[in-house]
Amino acid sequence: MRIVWIIAGGLALALGVAGIVLPLVPTTPLLLLAAFCFARSSPRLEMWLVEHPRLGPPIRDWRAEGAISVRGKTLALVVIGATFALSLILRLPAHVLLIQAATLGAVSLFILTRPVPRAPTTPPDPRQP
């Protein structure tokens, strides 16, 4: 079963990294999934991901406080708005727009109700139990 968790974590990590440049791929949720999978398979991979200088802060913020940074919230909401605007420009059917508006509205509400991290995240101290 360990190998399944490692493969799932690797796929989630690859998709999460791709999401950095692909606007419709959600980076942070995929990084959280990768950390979850690695926690069940490889403490070394989990530690690497959580301590990574670029990929680790959103994971640490979420684990510590269930928080999303202001930058993360802003980027997410801009992409959500752009996605809906594109749907309007493409003149999608009304029922599709209604479903999309409800879904994107719920996601936006969730993002906006998450706290902002209180302090800059630092890698966990390996000497702490």
C-alpha atoms as a PDB file:
ATOM      1  CA  MET A   1       0.000   0.000   0.000  1.00  0.00           C
ATOM      2  CA  ARG A   2       2.972   2.291   0.633  1.00  0.00           C
ATOM      3  CA  ILE A   3       3.817   2.404  -3.069  1.00  0.00           C
ATOM      4  CA  VAL A   4       0.239   3.445  -3.917  1.00  0.00           C
ATOM      5  CA  TRP A   5       0.502   6.412  -1.526  1.00  0.00           C
ATOM      6  CA  ILE A   6       3.886   7.406  -2.997  1.00  0.00           C
ATOM      7  CA  ILE A   7       2.538   7.258  -6.557  1.00  0.00           C
ATOM      8  CA  ALA A   8      -0.580   9.219  -5.596  1.00  0.00           C
ATOM      9  CA  GLY A   9       1.583  11.805  -3.819  1.00  0.00           C
ATOM     10  CA  GLY A  10       3.896  12.083  -6.801  1.00  0.00           C
ATOM     11  CA  LEU A  11       0.990  12.578  -9.200  1.00  0.00           C
ATOM     12  CA  ALA A  12      -0.588  15.200  -6.935  1.00  0.00           C
ATOM     13  CA  LEU A  13       2.768  16.967  -6.617  1.00  0.00           C
ATOM     14  CA  ALA A  14       3.311  16.937 -10.396  1.00  0.00           C
ATOM     15  CA  LEU A  15      -0.166  18.332 -11.032  1.00  0.00           C
ATOM     16  CA  GLY A  16       0.284  20.911  -8.264  1.00  0.00           C
ATOM     17  CA  VAL A  17       3.553  22.116  -9.763  1.00  0.00           C
ATOM     18  CA  ALA A  18       1.895  22.260 -13.191  1.00  0.00           C
ATOM     19  CA  GLY A  19      -0.821  24.379 -11.581  1.00  0.00           C
ATOM     20  CA  ILE A  20       1.750  27.088 -10.903  1.00  0.00           C
ATOM     21  CA  VAL A  21       1.721  27.934 -14.607  1.00  0.00           C
ATOM     22  CA  LEU A  22      -1.660  26.527 -15.672  1.00  0.00           C
ATOM     23  CA  PRO A  23      -4.368  28.885 -14.407  1.00  0.00           C
ATOM     24  CA  LEU A  24      -7.202  26.360 -14.008  1.00  0.00           C
ATOM     25  CA  VAL A  25      -5.211  23.734 -12.081  1.00  0.00           C
ATOM     26  CA  PRO A  26      -5.498  24.305  -8.304  1.00  0.00           C
ATOM     27  CA  THR A  27      -1.944  24.301  -6.931  1.00  0.00           C
ATOM     28  CA  THR A  28      -2.460  24.443  -3.165  1.00  0.00           C
ATOM     29  CA  PRO A  29      -5.122  21.721  -2.846  1.00  0.00           C
ATOM     30  CA  LEU A  30      -2.932  19.399  -4.902  1.00  0.00           C
ATOM     31  CA  LEU A  31       0.106  20.188  -2.742  1.00  0.00           C
ATOM     32  CA  LEU A  32      -1.991  19.456   0.361  1.00  0.00           C
ATOM     33  CA  LEU A  33      -3.028  16.154  -1.187  1.00  0.00           C
ATOM     34  CA  ALA A  34       0.609  15.336  -1.982  1.00  0.00           C
ATOM     35  CA  ALA A  35       1.632  16.068   1.621  1.00  0.00           C
ATOM     36  CA  PHE A  36      -1.253  13.889   2.866  1.00  0.00           C
ATOM     37  CA  CYS A  37      -0.169  11.002   0.638  1.00  0.00           C
ATOM     38  CA  PHE A  38       3.496  11.357   1.523  1.00  0.00           C
ATOM     39  CA  ALA A  39       2.632  11.439   5.237  1.00  0.00           C
ATOM     40  CA  ARG A  40       1.187   7.946   4.808  1.00  0.00           C
ATOM     41  CA  SER A  41       4.090   6.590   2.779  1.00  0.00           C
ATOM     42  CA  SER A  42       7.357   8.459   3.220  1.00  0.00           C
ATOM     43  CA  PRO A  43       8.188  10.803   6.107  1.00  0.00           C
ATOM     44  CA  ARG A  44      11.278  11.876   4.147  1.00  0.00           C
ATOM     45  CA  LEU A  45       9.209  13.012   1.132  1.00  0.00           C
ATOM     46  CA  GLU A  46       6.652  14.698   3.371  1.00  0.00           C
ATOM     47  CA  MET A  47       9.393  16.602   5.222  1.00  0.00           C
ATOM     48  CA  TRP A  48      10.986  17.629   1.923  1.00  0.00           C
ATOM     49  CA  LEU A  49       7.668  18.982   0.634  1.00  0.00           C
ATOM     50  CA  VAL A  50       6.691  20.761   3.853  1.00  0.00           C
ATOM     51  CA  GLU A  51      10.142  22.359   4.200  1.00  0.00           C
ATOM     52  CA  HIS A  52      10.429  23.326   0.525  1.00  0.00           C
ATOM     53  CA  PRO A  53      10.978  27.114   0.342  1.00  0.00           C
ATOM     54  CA  ARG A  54       8.389  27.671  -2.436  1.00  0.00           C
ATOM     55  CA  LEU A  55       5.925  24.806  -2.024  1.00  0.00           C
ATOM     56  CA  GLY A  56       5.971  24.441   1.758  1.00  0.00           C
ATOM     57  CA  PRO A  57       4.489  27.723   3.064  1.00  0.00           C
ATOM     58  CA  PRO A  58       0.878  27.125   1.902  1.00  0.00           C
ATOM     59  CA  ILE A  59       0.981  23.618   3.376  1.00  0.00           C
ATOM     60  CA  ARG A  60       2.357  24.874   6.695  1.00  0.00           C
ATOM     61  CA  ASP A  61      -0.205  27.720   6.803  1.00  0.00           C
ATOM     62  CA  TRP A  62      -3.082  25.309   6.178  1.00  0.00           C
ATOM     63  CA  ARG A  63      -1.867  22.742   8.699  1.00  0.00           C
ATOM     64  CA  ALA A  64      -1.191  25.311  11.417  1.00  0.00           C
ATOM     65  CA  GLU A  65      -4.227  27.561  11.072  1.00  0.00           C
ATOM     66  CA  GLY A  66      -6.399  26.469   8.165  1.00  0.00           C
ATOM     67  CA  ALA A  67      -5.191  29.737   6.640  1.00  0.00           C
ATOM     68  CA  ILE A  68      -4.765  31.010   3.088  1.00  0.00           C
ATOM     69  CA  SER A  69      -2.401  33.899   2.364  1.00  0.00           C
ATOM     70  CA  VAL A  70      -3.735  37.172   0.988  1.00  0.00           C
ATOM     71  CA  ARG A  71      -1.762  36.560  -2.202  1.00  0.00           C
ATOM     72  CA  GLY A  72      -3.254  33.079  -2.526  1.00  0.00           C
ATOM     73  CA  LYS A  73      -6.766  34.372  -1.961  1.00  0.00           C
ATOM     74  CA  THR A  74      -6.270  37.173  -4.474  1.00  0.00           C
ATOM     75  CA  LEU A  75      -4.907  34.879  -7.177  1.00  0.00           C
ATOM     76  CA  ALA A  76      -7.657  32.329  -6.620  1.00  0.00           C
ATOM     77  CA  LEU A  77     -10.410  34.937  -6.815  1.00  0.00           C
ATOM     78  CA  VAL A  78      -8.897  36.529  -9.946  1.00  0.00           C
ATOM     79  CA  VAL A  79      -8.799  33.145 -11.678  1.00  0.00           C
ATOM     80  CA  ILE A  80     -12.369  32.391 -10.556  1.00  0.00           C
ATOM     81  CA  GLY A  81     -13.533  35.736 -11.940  1.00  0.00           C
ATOM     82  CA  ALA A  82     -11.634  35.248 -15.194  1.00  0.00           C
ATOM     83  CA  THR A  83     -13.101  31.777 -15.611  1.00  0.00           C
ATOM     84  CA  PHE A  84     -16.645  33.054 -15.198  1.00  0.00           C
ATOM     85  CA  ALA A  85     -15.956  36.035 -17.463  1.00  0.00           C
ATOM     86  CA  LEU A  86     -14.677  33.688 -20.168  1.00  0.00           C
ATOM     87  CA  SER A  87     -17.845  31.627 -19.815  1.00  0.00           C
ATOM     88  CA  LEU A  88     -19.916  34.767 -20.343  1.00  0.00           C
ATOM     89  CA  ILE A  89     -17.826  35.795 -23.359  1.00  0.00           C
ATOM     90  CA  LEU A  90     -18.267  32.324 -24.858  1.00  0.00           C
ATOM     91  CA  ARG A  91     -22.035  32.676 -24.307  1.00  0.00           C
ATOM     92  CA  LEU A  92     -22.436  29.358 -22.549  1.00  0.00           C
ATOM     93  CA  PRO A  93     -26.023  28.216 -21.992  1.00  0.00           C
ATOM     94  CA  ALA A  94     -27.838  29.780 -19.041  1.00  0.00           C
ATOM     95  CA  HIS A  95     -28.113  26.501 -17.117  1.00  0.00           C
ATOM     96  CA  VAL A  96     -24.324  26.028 -17.378  1.00  0.00           C
ATOM     97  CA  LEU A  97     -23.737  29.579 -16.187  1.00  0.00           C
ATOM     98  CA  LEU A  98     -26.069  29.032 -13.226  1.00  0.00           C
ATOM     99  CA  ILE A  99     -24.286  25.848 -12.187  1.00  0.00           C
ATOM    100  CA  GLN A 100     -20.933  27.515 -12.641  1.00  0.00           C
ATOM    101  CA  ALA A 101     -22.004  30.617 -10.712  1.00  0.00           C
ATOM    102  CA  ALA A 102     -23.240  28.506  -7.792  1.00  0.00           C
ATOM    103  CA  THR A 103     -20.098  26.386  -7.715  1.00  0.00           C
ATOM    104  CA  LEU A 104     -17.638  29.253  -8.125  1.00  0.00           C
ATOM    105  CA  GLY A 105     -19.604  31.320  -5.623  1.00  0.00           C
ATOM    106  CA  ALA A 106     -19.376  28.552  -3.020  1.00  0.00           C
ATOM    107  CA  VAL A 107     -15.645  28.151  -3.637  1.00  0.00           C
ATOM    108  CA  SER A 108     -15.148  31.920  -3.383  1.00  0.00           C
ATOM    109  CA  LEU A 109     -17.076  32.035  -0.123  1.00  0.00           C
ATOM    110  CA  PHE A 110     -14.945  29.227   1.290  1.00  0.00           C
ATOM    111  CA  ILE A 111     -11.735  31.012   0.282  1.00  0.00           C
ATOM    112  CA  LEU A 112     -12.866  34.340   1.704  1.00  0.00           C
ATOM    113  CA  THR A 113     -13.863  32.828   5.049  1.00  0.00           C
ATOM    114  CA  ARG A 114     -10.456  31.202   5.655  1.00  0.00           C
ATOM    115  CA  PRO A 115      -8.197  33.157   7.982  1.00  0.00           C
ATOM    116  CA  VAL A 116      -5.000  34.842   6.854  1.00  0.00           C
ATOM    117  CA  PRO A 117      -1.800  33.405   8.390  1.00  0.00           C
ATOM    118  CA  ARG A 118      -0.852  35.281  11.554  1.00  0.00           C
ATOM    119  CA  ALA A 119       2.897  35.098  11.076  1.00  0.00           C
ATOM    120  CA  PRO A 120       5.259  34.162   8.282  1.00  0.00           C
ATOM    121  CA  THR A 121       5.693  30.438   8.137  1.00  0.00           C
ATOM    122  CA  THR A 122       9.017  28.919   8.975  1.00  0.00           C
ATOM    123  CA  PRO A 123      10.035  25.323   8.446  1.00  0.00           C
ATOM    124  CA  PRO A 124       9.312  23.116  11.434  1.00  0.00           C
ATOM    125  CA  ASP A 125      12.199  22.611  13.842  1.00  0.00           C
ATOM    126  CA  PRO A 126      13.311  18.968  13.371  1.00  0.00           C
ATOM    127  CA  ARG A 127      14.459  18.898  17.011  1.00  0.00           C
ATOM    128  CA  GLN A 128      10.886  19.405  18.234  1.00  0.00           C
ATOM    129  CA  PRO A 129       8.887  16.223  18.850  1.00  0.00           C
END
